[in-house]
């Protein structure tokens, strides 16, 4: 799988999400400052709620901007045979006979995409699965704690 293309696809998806959050934050900000949102009584909190929403959406947009910047810095290098899993690794993992692909990214954990007809899930080193995979190598058979129980796994490949 072409990791440079995968990283570019992640950046494109995050950029698309950023545009959505940016528009939503602008709309919420406009709602919060609109004259009809002015409180008519101490129990009328529409304007206040809209401002909280705008702030949350702006924070999410800032997170996405940071993620886009960090993914832009990844070089897409190929991991050598026997090299430990680290940031930028594409890991093929087999659990209970089912294979899955994970990309260890700096941020944006949970982002799902399809590359070369294969589903890939972005995980981070801070995520439970990412933390368990760090420093493991191709061929390792770790006991991973998933859904509060140990499961035997096999690291099929690390690219």
C-alpha atoms as a PDB file:
ATOM      1  CA  UNK A   1       0.000   0.000   0.000  1.00  0.00           C
ATOM      2  CA  UNK A   2       1.337   3.448  -0.904  1.00  0.00           C
ATOM      3  CA  UNK A   3       1.749   5.238   2.446  1.00  0.00           C
ATOM      4  CA  UNK A   4       2.332   8.666   0.893  1.00  0.00           C
ATOM      5  CA  UNK A   5      -1.012   8.358  -0.890  1.00  0.00           C
ATOM      6  CA  UNK A   6      -2.608   7.160   2.359  1.00  0.00           C
ATOM      7  CA  UNK A   7      -1.249  10.150   4.296  1.00  0.00           C
ATOM      8  CA  UNK A   8      -2.443  12.502   1.544  1.00  0.00           C
ATOM      9  CA  UNK A   9      -5.900  10.915   1.687  1.00  0.00           C
ATOM     10  CA  UNK A  10      -5.973  11.438   5.477  1.00  0.00           C
ATOM     11  CA  UNK A  11      -5.031  15.115   5.002  1.00  0.00           C
ATOM     12  CA  UNK A  12      -7.764  15.548   2.377  1.00  0.00           C
ATOM     13  CA  UNK A  13     -10.366  13.980   4.682  1.00  0.00           C
ATOM     14  CA  UNK A  14      -9.271  16.114   7.649  1.00  0.00           C
ATOM     15  CA  UNK A  15      -9.316  19.250   5.468  1.00  0.00           C
ATOM     16  CA  UNK A  16     -12.871  18.432   4.437  1.00  0.00           C
ATOM     17  CA  UNK A  17     -13.889  17.988   8.096  1.00  0.00           C
ATOM     18  CA  UNK A  18     -12.152  21.268   8.938  1.00  0.00           C
ATOM     19  CA  UNK A  19     -14.266  23.126   6.384  1.00  0.00           C
ATOM     20  CA  UNK A  20     -17.432  21.706   7.949  1.00  0.00           C
ATOM     21  CA  UNK A  21     -16.384  22.718  11.487  1.00  0.00           C
ATOM     22  CA  UNK A  22     -15.303  26.154  10.296  1.00  0.00           C
ATOM     23  CA  UNK A  23     -18.719  26.821   8.685  1.00  0.00           C
ATOM     24  CA  UNK A  24     -20.535  25.438  11.732  1.00  0.00           C
ATOM     25  CA  UNK A  25     -18.503  27.648  14.077  1.00  0.00           C
ATOM     26  CA  UNK A  26     -19.244  30.703  11.936  1.00  0.00           C
ATOM     27  CA  UNK A  27     -22.965  29.906  11.950  1.00  0.00           C
ATOM     28  CA  UNK A  28     -22.985  29.345  15.717  1.00  0.00           C
ATOM     29  CA  UNK A  29     -21.066  32.578  16.282  1.00  0.00           C
ATOM     30  CA  UNK A  30     -23.564  34.461  14.114  1.00  0.00           C
ATOM     31  CA  UNK A  31     -26.423  32.870  16.052  1.00  0.00           C
ATOM     32  CA  UNK A  32     -24.854  33.832  19.389  1.00  0.00           C
ATOM     33  CA  UNK A  33     -24.450  37.476  18.411  1.00  0.00           C
ATOM     34  CA  UNK A  34     -27.714  37.902  16.499  1.00  0.00           C
ATOM     35  CA  UNK A  35     -30.132  40.421  17.997  1.00  0.00           C
ATOM     36  CA  UNK A  36     -32.868  37.796  18.294  1.00  0.00           C
ATOM     37  CA  UNK A  37     -30.572  35.726  20.545  1.00  0.00           C
ATOM     38  CA  UNK A  38     -30.499  38.471  23.159  1.00  0.00           C
ATOM     39  CA  UNK A  39     -31.810  37.071  26.435  1.00  0.00           C
ATOM     40  CA  UNK A  40     -35.377  38.159  27.203  1.00  0.00           C
ATOM     41  CA  UNK A  41     -35.201  36.824  30.761  1.00  0.00           C
ATOM     42  CA  UNK A  42     -32.665  35.234  33.064  1.00  0.00           C
ATOM     43  CA  UNK A  43     -33.913  31.824  31.925  1.00  0.00           C
ATOM     44  CA  UNK A  44     -33.393  32.525  28.218  1.00  0.00           C
ATOM     45  CA  UNK A  45     -30.005  30.993  27.415  1.00  0.00           C
ATOM     46  CA  UNK A  46     -30.173  30.582  23.617  1.00  0.00           C
ATOM     47  CA  UNK A  47     -27.394  33.082  22.953  1.00  0.00           C
ATOM     48  CA  UNK A  48     -25.196  31.643  25.694  1.00  0.00           C
ATOM     49  CA  UNK A  49     -25.696  28.095  24.405  1.00  0.00           C
ATOM     50  CA  UNK A  50     -24.850  29.182  20.866  1.00  0.00           C
ATOM     51  CA  UNK A  51     -21.645  30.824  22.102  1.00  0.00           C
ATOM     52  CA  UNK A  52     -20.631  27.614  23.933  1.00  0.00           C
ATOM     53  CA  UNK A  53     -21.313  25.648  20.769  1.00  0.00           C
ATOM     54  CA  UNK A  54     -19.255  28.089  18.675  1.00  0.00           C
ATOM     55  CA  UNK A  55     -16.359  27.826  21.115  1.00  0.00           C
ATOM     56  CA  UNK A  56     -16.431  24.004  21.016  1.00  0.00           C
ATOM     57  CA  UNK A  57     -16.550  23.957  17.234  1.00  0.00           C
ATOM     58  CA  UNK A  58     -13.665  26.432  17.049  1.00  0.00           C
ATOM     59  CA  UNK A  59     -11.590  24.233  19.376  1.00  0.00           C
ATOM     60  CA  UNK A  60     -12.327  21.199  17.190  1.00  0.00           C
ATOM     61  CA  UNK A  61     -11.311  23.178  14.099  1.00  0.00           C
ATOM     62  CA  UNK A  62      -8.018  24.100  15.801  1.00  0.00           C
ATOM     63  CA  UNK A  63      -7.414  20.404  16.606  1.00  0.00           C
ATOM     64  CA  UNK A  64      -8.018  19.498  12.974  1.00  0.00           C
ATOM     65  CA  UNK A  65      -5.630  22.237  11.793  1.00  0.00           C
ATOM     66  CA  UNK A  66      -2.933  20.852  14.108  1.00  0.00           C
ATOM     67  CA  UNK A  67      -3.591  17.301  12.864  1.00  0.00           C
ATOM     68  CA  UNK A  68      -3.335  18.393   9.228  1.00  0.00           C
ATOM     69  CA  UNK A  69      -0.025  20.109   9.963  1.00  0.00           C
ATOM     70  CA  UNK A  70       1.398  17.059  11.753  1.00  0.00           C
ATOM     71  CA  UNK A  71       0.298  14.621   9.042  1.00  0.00           C
ATOM     72  CA  UNK A  72       1.897  16.951   6.498  1.00  0.00           C
ATOM     73  CA  UNK A  73       5.240  16.440   8.274  1.00  0.00           C
ATOM     74  CA  UNK A  74       5.108  12.622   8.014  1.00  0.00           C
ATOM     75  CA  UNK A  75       7.401  11.345   5.282  1.00  0.00           C
ATOM     76  CA  UNK A  76       5.660   8.029   4.584  1.00  0.00           C
ATOM     77  CA  UNK A  77       8.868   6.059   5.012  1.00  0.00           C
ATOM     78  CA  UNK A  78       8.780   2.295   4.794  1.00  0.00           C
ATOM     79  CA  UNK A  79       9.637   0.466   8.006  1.00  0.00           C
ATOM     80  CA  UNK A  80      12.512  -1.986   7.663  1.00  0.00           C
ATOM     81  CA  UNK A  81      12.048  -5.699   8.386  1.00  0.00           C
ATOM     82  CA  UNK A  82      12.282  -6.239  12.143  1.00  0.00           C
ATOM     83  CA  UNK A  83      11.875  -2.531  12.925  1.00  0.00           C
ATOM     84  CA  UNK A  84       9.624  -1.698  15.884  1.00  0.00           C
ATOM     85  CA  UNK A  85       6.219  -0.118  15.335  1.00  0.00           C
ATOM     86  CA  UNK A  86       6.302   3.643  15.716  1.00  0.00           C
ATOM     87  CA  UNK A  87       4.687   6.816  14.438  1.00  0.00           C
ATOM     88  CA  UNK A  88       3.908   6.520  10.730  1.00  0.00           C
ATOM     89  CA  UNK A  89       3.664   2.717  10.719  1.00  0.00           C
ATOM     90  CA  UNK A  90       0.983   0.913   8.757  1.00  0.00           C
ATOM     91  CA  UNK A  91       0.216  -2.228  10.735  1.00  0.00           C
ATOM     92  CA  UNK A  92      -1.662  -5.301   9.552  1.00  0.00           C
ATOM     93  CA  UNK A  93      -3.043  -7.069  12.604  1.00  0.00           C
ATOM     94  CA  UNK A  94      -4.774 -10.446  12.805  1.00  0.00           C
ATOM     95  CA  UNK A  95      -7.147 -11.137  15.686  1.00  0.00           C
ATOM     96  CA  UNK A  96      -9.293 -14.284  15.768  1.00  0.00           C
ATOM     97  CA  UNK A  97      -8.599 -14.949  12.090  1.00  0.00           C
ATOM     98  CA  UNK A  98      -9.692 -11.459  11.018  1.00  0.00           C
ATOM     99  CA  UNK A  99      -7.161  -9.045   9.541  1.00  0.00           C
ATOM    100  CA  UNK A 100      -7.326  -5.278  10.016  1.00  0.00           C
ATOM    101  CA  UNK A 101      -5.102  -2.373   9.001  1.00  0.00           C
ATOM    102  CA  UNK A 102      -4.118   0.459  11.343  1.00  0.00           C
ATOM    103  CA  UNK A 103      -2.101   3.577  10.618  1.00  0.00           C
ATOM    104  CA  UNK A 104      -0.260   4.962  13.643  1.00  0.00           C
ATOM    105  CA  UNK A 105      -0.707   8.712  13.272  1.00  0.00           C
ATOM    106  CA  UNK A 106       0.189  11.707  15.426  1.00  0.00           C
ATOM    107  CA  UNK A 107      -3.466  12.777  15.861  1.00  0.00           C
ATOM    108  CA  UNK A 108      -6.953  12.237  14.440  1.00  0.00           C
ATOM    109  CA  UNK A 109      -7.424   8.802  15.971  1.00  0.00           C
ATOM    110  CA  UNK A 110     -10.634   7.172  14.827  1.00  0.00           C
ATOM    111  CA  UNK A 111     -10.410   8.526  11.292  1.00  0.00           C
ATOM    112  CA  UNK A 112     -11.473   5.778   8.891  1.00  0.00           C
ATOM    113  CA  UNK A 113     -10.698   5.633   5.206  1.00  0.00           C
ATOM    114  CA  UNK A 114     -10.390   3.203   2.322  1.00  0.00           C
ATOM    115  CA  UNK A 115      -7.092   2.922   0.434  1.00  0.00           C
ATOM    116  CA  UNK A 116      -6.602   0.405  -2.376  1.00  0.00           C
ATOM    117  CA  UNK A 117      -9.947  -1.253  -1.445  1.00  0.00           C
ATOM    118  CA  UNK A 118      -8.686  -1.776   2.112  1.00  0.00           C
ATOM    119  CA  UNK A 119     -10.192  -0.166   5.206  1.00  0.00           C
ATOM    120  CA  UNK A 120      -7.622   1.616   7.366  1.00  0.00           C
ATOM    121  CA  UNK A 121      -8.223   3.045  10.829  1.00  0.00           C
ATOM    122  CA  UNK A 122      -5.995   5.812  12.163  1.00  0.00           C
ATOM    123  CA  UNK A 123      -4.886   5.214  15.750  1.00  0.00           C
ATOM    124  CA  UNK A 124      -2.508   7.212  17.930  1.00  0.00           C
ATOM    125  CA  UNK A 125       0.219   6.112  20.342  1.00  0.00           C
ATOM    126  CA  UNK A 126      -2.011   7.437  23.150  1.00  0.00           C
ATOM    127  CA  UNK A 127      -4.948   5.182  22.237  1.00  0.00           C
ATOM    128  CA  UNK A 128      -5.300   1.862  24.070  1.00  0.00           C
ATOM    129  CA  UNK A 129      -4.506  -0.197  20.953  1.00  0.00           C
ATOM    130  CA  UNK A 130      -1.760   2.143  19.781  1.00  0.00           C
ATOM    131  CA  UNK A 131      -0.024   2.041  23.166  1.00  0.00           C
ATOM    132  CA  UNK A 132      -0.090  -1.772  23.120  1.00  0.00           C
ATOM    133  CA  UNK A 133       1.360  -1.947  19.598  1.00  0.00           C
ATOM    134  CA  UNK A 134       4.203   0.529  20.134  1.00  0.00           C
ATOM    135  CA  UNK A 135       7.628  -1.126  19.965  1.00  0.00           C
ATOM    136  CA  UNK A 136       6.203  -4.463  18.780  1.00  0.00           C
ATOM    137  CA  UNK A 137       7.534  -5.994  15.552  1.00  0.00           C
ATOM    138  CA  UNK A 138       6.260  -7.951  12.582  1.00  0.00           C
ATOM    139  CA  UNK A 139       5.641 -11.567  13.626  1.00  0.00           C
ATOM    140  CA  UNK A 140       5.065 -10.714  17.306  1.00  0.00           C
ATOM    141  CA  UNK A 141       2.046 -12.366  18.926  1.00  0.00           C
ATOM    142  CA  UNK A 142       0.963  -9.987  21.671  1.00  0.00           C
ATOM    143  CA  UNK A 143      -1.939 -10.529  24.038  1.00  0.00           C
ATOM    144  CA  UNK A 144      -3.947  -7.361  23.428  1.00  0.00           C
ATOM    145  CA  UNK A 145      -6.523  -6.044  25.840  1.00  0.00           C
ATOM    146  CA  UNK A 146      -9.548  -5.188  23.709  1.00  0.00           C
ATOM    147  CA  UNK A 147     -13.041  -4.590  25.033  1.00  0.00           C
ATOM    148  CA  UNK A 148     -11.810  -5.328  28.587  1.00  0.00           C
ATOM    149  CA  UNK A 149     -10.503  -8.792  27.754  1.00  0.00           C
ATOM    150  CA  UNK A 150      -7.232 -10.262  26.525  1.00  0.00           C
ATOM    151  CA  UNK A 151      -7.141 -11.475  22.955  1.00  0.00           C
ATOM    152  CA  UNK A 152      -4.362 -13.244  21.105  1.00  0.00           C
ATOM    153  CA  UNK A 153      -3.156 -11.266  18.097  1.00  0.00           C
ATOM    154  CA  UNK A 154      -0.503 -11.552  15.424  1.00  0.00           C
ATOM    155  CA  UNK A 155       1.288  -8.646  13.779  1.00  0.00           C
ATOM    156  CA  UNK A 156       1.216  -9.721  10.150  1.00  0.00           C
ATOM    157  CA  UNK A 157       3.145  -6.776   8.698  1.00  0.00           C
ATOM    158  CA  UNK A 158       4.613  -3.386   9.554  1.00  0.00           C
ATOM    159  CA  UNK A 159       5.169  -1.008   6.655  1.00  0.00           C
END
